N, C-alpha and C. Protein backbone atom coordinates (compact mmCIF):
# COMPACT_ATOMS: atom_id res chain seq x y z
N ILE A 1 -2.17 100.24 184.62
CA ILE A 1 -2.24 99.48 183.38
C ILE A 1 -3.37 98.31 183.10
N SER A 2 -3.79 97.63 184.49
CA SER A 2 -4.95 96.69 184.29
C SER A 2 -6.13 97.75 184.25
N ALA A 3 -6.10 98.72 184.90
CA ALA A 3 -7.40 99.54 184.60
C ALA A 3 -7.64 99.76 183.15
N LYS A 4 -6.72 100.39 182.84
CA LYS A 4 -6.81 100.91 181.13
C LYS A 4 -7.39 99.50 180.24
N LEU A 5 -6.57 98.40 180.63
CA LEU A 5 -6.83 97.16 180.18
C LEU A 5 -8.01 96.68 180.22
N LEU A 6 -8.50 96.71 181.37
CA LEU A 6 -10.21 96.25 181.60
C LEU A 6 -11.15 97.55 180.72
N SER A 7 -10.72 98.70 180.79
CA SER A 7 -11.76 99.47 180.22
C SER A 7 -11.55 99.19 178.57
N ALA A 8 -10.66 99.08 178.15
CA ALA A 8 -10.53 98.69 176.66
C ALA A 8 -11.00 97.49 176.28
N VAL A 9 -10.69 96.40 177.16
CA VAL A 9 -11.62 95.26 176.75
C VAL A 9 -13.15 95.37 176.72
N ALA A 10 -13.63 96.08 178.06
CA ALA A 10 -14.95 96.38 178.08
C ALA A 10 -15.64 97.32 177.02
N GLU A 11 -14.60 97.99 176.30
CA GLU A 11 -14.97 98.97 175.43
C GLU A 11 -15.81 100.02 176.25
N VAL A 12 -15.22 100.58 177.33
CA VAL A 12 -15.74 101.43 178.20
C VAL A 12 -14.71 102.64 178.49
N ASP A 13 -15.25 103.91 178.40
CA ASP A 13 -14.58 105.08 178.30
C ASP A 13 -13.70 105.09 179.61
N THR A 14 -12.55 105.18 179.33
CA THR A 14 -11.43 105.20 180.48
C THR A 14 -11.71 106.22 181.51
N GLY A 15 -12.08 107.39 180.99
CA GLY A 15 -12.36 108.31 182.06
C GLY A 15 -13.43 108.23 182.91
N LYS A 16 -14.57 107.95 182.27
CA LYS A 16 -15.84 107.18 182.98
C LYS A 16 -15.35 106.28 183.97
N PHE A 17 -14.53 105.41 183.47
CA PHE A 17 -14.12 104.13 184.47
C PHE A 17 -13.46 104.69 185.31
N PHE A 18 -12.25 105.53 185.30
CA PHE A 18 -11.61 105.94 186.66
C PHE A 18 -12.34 107.07 187.26
N SER A 19 -13.35 107.61 186.95
CA SER A 19 -14.13 108.41 187.67
C SER A 19 -15.36 107.73 188.43
N GLY A 20 -15.62 106.51 188.07
CA GLY A 20 -16.76 105.70 188.43
C GLY A 20 -18.01 106.01 188.02
N GLU A 21 -18.02 106.87 187.05
CA GLU A 21 -19.39 107.34 186.51
C GLU A 21 -19.91 106.41 185.53
N LEU A 22 -20.07 105.35 185.78
CA LEU A 22 -20.44 104.29 184.96
C LEU A 22 -21.96 103.91 185.18
N ASP A 23 -22.82 103.47 184.08
CA ASP A 23 -24.07 103.10 184.41
C ASP A 23 -24.26 101.59 184.51
N ASP A 24 -25.36 100.92 184.81
CA ASP A 24 -25.33 99.65 185.28
C ASP A 24 -24.72 98.80 183.87
N LYS A 25 -25.00 99.18 182.75
CA LYS A 25 -24.90 98.41 181.47
C LYS A 25 -23.29 98.42 181.29
N GLU A 26 -22.62 99.75 181.73
CA GLU A 26 -21.00 99.76 181.64
C GLU A 26 -20.56 98.88 182.62
N TRP A 27 -21.00 98.99 183.82
CA TRP A 27 -20.50 98.02 185.11
C TRP A 27 -20.26 96.46 184.63
N GLN A 28 -21.60 96.14 184.03
CA GLN A 28 -21.70 94.79 183.75
C GLN A 28 -20.63 94.25 182.68
N LYS A 29 -20.32 95.32 181.57
CA LYS A 29 -19.33 95.10 180.78
C LYS A 29 -17.91 94.98 181.41
N ILE A 30 -17.86 95.93 182.38
CA ILE A 30 -16.45 95.70 183.14
C ILE A 30 -16.37 94.24 184.10
N ALA A 31 -17.52 93.87 184.76
CA ALA A 31 -17.41 92.80 185.28
C ALA A 31 -17.29 91.52 184.30
N ASN A 32 -17.71 91.56 183.07
CA ASN A 32 -17.60 90.54 182.32
C ASN A 32 -15.92 90.54 181.64
N SER A 33 -15.40 91.66 181.23
CA SER A 33 -14.12 91.99 181.03
C SER A 33 -13.12 91.23 182.24
N CYS A 34 -13.54 91.65 183.55
CA CYS A 34 -12.57 90.85 184.59
C CYS A 34 -12.55 89.65 184.44
N ARG A 35 -13.57 88.74 184.02
CA ARG A 35 -13.89 87.26 184.02
C ARG A 35 -12.78 86.94 182.99
N ALA A 36 -12.98 87.95 181.71
CA ALA A 36 -12.07 87.47 180.40
C ALA A 36 -10.65 87.56 180.73
N VAL A 37 -10.33 88.87 181.33
CA VAL A 37 -8.71 89.26 181.48
C VAL A 37 -8.26 88.56 182.64
N ARG A 38 -9.23 87.89 183.78
CA ARG A 38 -8.46 87.22 184.68
C ARG A 38 -7.54 85.86 184.25
N ASP A 39 -7.88 85.28 183.18
CA ASP A 39 -7.34 84.04 182.89
C ASP A 39 -6.25 84.40 181.83
N LEU A 40 -5.93 85.44 181.46
CA LEU A 40 -4.68 85.81 180.49
C LEU A 40 -3.41 85.54 180.94
N PRO A 41 -2.68 84.97 180.51
CA PRO A 41 -1.35 85.04 180.95
C PRO A 41 -0.45 86.15 180.93
N LEU A 42 -0.81 87.15 181.89
CA LEU A 42 -0.10 88.46 182.00
C LEU A 42 0.74 88.61 183.33
N TYR A 43 1.70 89.20 183.34
CA TYR A 43 2.38 89.29 184.27
C TYR A 43 2.91 90.86 184.50
N PHE A 44 2.62 91.71 185.46
CA PHE A 44 3.06 93.23 185.86
C PHE A 44 4.01 93.16 186.78
N ASP A 45 4.90 93.88 186.25
CA ASP A 45 5.93 94.24 187.30
C ASP A 45 6.30 95.69 187.40
N ASP A 46 5.98 96.33 188.52
CA ASP A 46 6.13 97.73 188.48
C ASP A 46 7.54 98.01 189.30
N THR A 47 8.23 97.33 189.26
CA THR A 47 9.62 97.88 189.93
C THR A 47 10.04 99.14 189.41
N SER A 48 10.43 99.94 190.01
CA SER A 48 10.95 101.24 189.61
C SER A 48 12.54 101.05 189.31
N ALA A 49 13.18 101.84 188.34
CA ALA A 49 14.22 102.29 188.23
C ALA A 49 15.02 100.81 187.69
N LEU A 50 14.35 99.77 186.80
CA LEU A 50 14.76 98.70 186.41
C LEU A 50 15.72 98.70 185.29
N THR A 51 16.91 98.12 185.52
CA THR A 51 17.84 98.19 184.65
C THR A 51 17.67 96.82 183.35
N PRO A 52 18.47 96.91 182.43
CA PRO A 52 18.09 96.14 181.19
C PRO A 52 18.77 94.73 181.88
N LEU A 53 19.75 94.62 182.75
CA LEU A 53 20.37 93.25 183.28
C LEU A 53 19.19 92.91 184.17
N GLU A 54 18.45 93.66 184.94
CA GLU A 54 17.38 93.20 185.75
C GLU A 54 15.96 92.62 184.77
N LEU A 55 15.92 93.69 183.83
CA LEU A 55 14.66 92.99 183.20
C LEU A 55 15.03 91.73 182.77
N ARG A 56 16.25 91.62 181.83
CA ARG A 56 16.43 90.30 181.54
C ARG A 56 16.29 89.02 182.50
N SER A 57 16.80 89.17 183.66
CA SER A 57 16.76 88.27 184.66
C SER A 57 15.19 87.94 185.05
N LYS A 58 14.54 89.02 185.12
CA LYS A 58 12.91 88.74 185.73
C LYS A 58 12.38 88.17 184.49
N SER A 59 12.80 88.28 183.30
CA SER A 59 12.25 87.77 181.89
C SER A 59 12.53 86.14 181.85
N ILE A 60 13.43 85.81 182.35
CA ILE A 60 14.02 84.65 182.01
C ILE A 60 13.31 83.77 183.23
N GLN A 61 13.10 84.46 184.47
CA GLN A 61 12.15 83.80 185.61
C GLN A 61 10.94 83.84 185.16
N VAL A 62 10.34 84.56 184.48
CA VAL A 62 8.52 84.30 184.08
C VAL A 62 8.74 83.29 182.76
N GLN A 63 9.77 83.51 182.07
CA GLN A 63 9.82 82.44 180.84
C GLN A 63 9.92 80.97 181.54
N ASN A 64 10.76 80.78 182.46
CA ASN A 64 10.66 79.52 183.06
C ASN A 64 9.70 79.04 183.79
N ILE A 65 8.76 79.95 184.32
CA ILE A 65 7.58 79.57 185.16
C ILE A 65 6.54 79.57 184.32
N ASN A 66 6.24 80.15 183.57
CA ASN A 66 4.85 80.63 182.96
C ASN A 66 5.02 80.73 181.29
N GLY A 67 6.05 80.75 180.98
CA GLY A 67 6.52 80.89 179.45
C GLY A 67 6.32 82.58 179.02
N LEU A 68 6.63 82.87 178.04
CA LEU A 68 6.80 84.40 177.82
C LEU A 68 6.74 84.64 176.27
N GLY A 69 5.62 85.32 175.94
CA GLY A 69 5.69 85.71 174.40
C GLY A 69 5.98 87.28 173.94
N LEU A 70 5.51 88.07 175.02
CA LEU A 70 6.11 89.55 174.73
C LEU A 70 6.08 90.26 176.06
N ILE A 71 7.35 91.17 175.95
CA ILE A 71 7.58 92.17 177.00
C ILE A 71 7.47 93.57 176.45
N VAL A 72 6.63 94.19 177.10
CA VAL A 72 6.50 95.65 176.92
C VAL A 72 6.89 96.18 178.21
N VAL A 73 7.91 97.39 177.69
CA VAL A 73 8.57 98.26 178.59
C VAL A 73 7.99 99.81 178.52
N ASP A 74 7.52 100.04 179.71
CA ASP A 74 6.69 101.44 179.79
C ASP A 74 7.84 102.48 179.65
N PHE A 75 8.99 102.19 180.49
CA PHE A 75 10.02 103.20 180.80
C PHE A 75 11.25 102.36 181.01
N LEU A 76 12.32 102.77 180.44
CA LEU A 76 13.45 102.18 180.56
C LEU A 76 14.64 103.16 180.92
N ILE A 77 15.54 103.17 181.97
CA ILE A 77 16.42 104.05 181.98
C ILE A 77 17.69 103.67 181.43
N PRO A 78 18.11 104.81 180.64
CA PRO A 78 19.29 104.57 179.78
C PRO A 78 20.68 104.00 180.59
N PRO A 79 21.29 103.21 180.10
CA PRO A 79 22.47 102.74 181.05
C PRO A 79 23.58 103.79 181.33
N GLN A 80 24.11 103.41 182.46
CA GLN A 80 25.21 104.53 182.61
C GLN A 80 26.45 103.83 182.48
N GLN A 81 27.52 104.45 182.19
CA GLN A 81 28.95 104.00 182.03
C GLN A 81 29.24 103.90 183.34
N THR A 82 30.05 102.86 183.47
CA THR A 82 30.98 102.71 184.54
C THR A 82 32.44 103.31 184.42
N PRO A 83 33.25 103.19 185.60
CA PRO A 83 34.78 103.62 185.22
C PRO A 83 35.52 102.72 184.35
N PHE A 84 34.77 101.67 183.96
CA PHE A 84 35.50 100.76 183.10
C PHE A 84 35.03 100.81 181.77
N PRO A 85 36.00 101.22 180.68
CA PRO A 85 35.50 101.56 179.37
C PRO A 85 34.53 100.02 178.79
N GLY A 86 33.61 100.33 178.10
CA GLY A 86 32.58 99.44 177.37
C GLY A 86 31.88 98.65 178.42
N ILE A 87 31.87 99.04 179.86
CA ILE A 87 30.75 98.11 180.85
C ILE A 87 29.94 99.09 181.22
N PHE A 88 28.58 98.83 181.05
CA PHE A 88 27.59 99.59 181.53
C PHE A 88 26.77 98.60 182.84
N VAL A 89 26.02 99.66 183.38
CA VAL A 89 25.22 98.82 184.36
C VAL A 89 23.95 99.71 184.17
């Protein structure tokens, strides 16, 4: 995700970025983007199989430490029913 963010901010083709086939001007744009992006208040969490309750808990922790303006979820596993009616995990 961070590589895609850098290439987008630098306005450099993502395919060229991932292959490393950039010219000197494009590498300079990536370097400038690194400086711009490093100070952004971003938090990435790549925990696998994160449940909605865990997402909520992590969100509260981040909010309490740094503040929180937006949550983007790339993939969320659907809740699974427990043996107790109306209770999901």
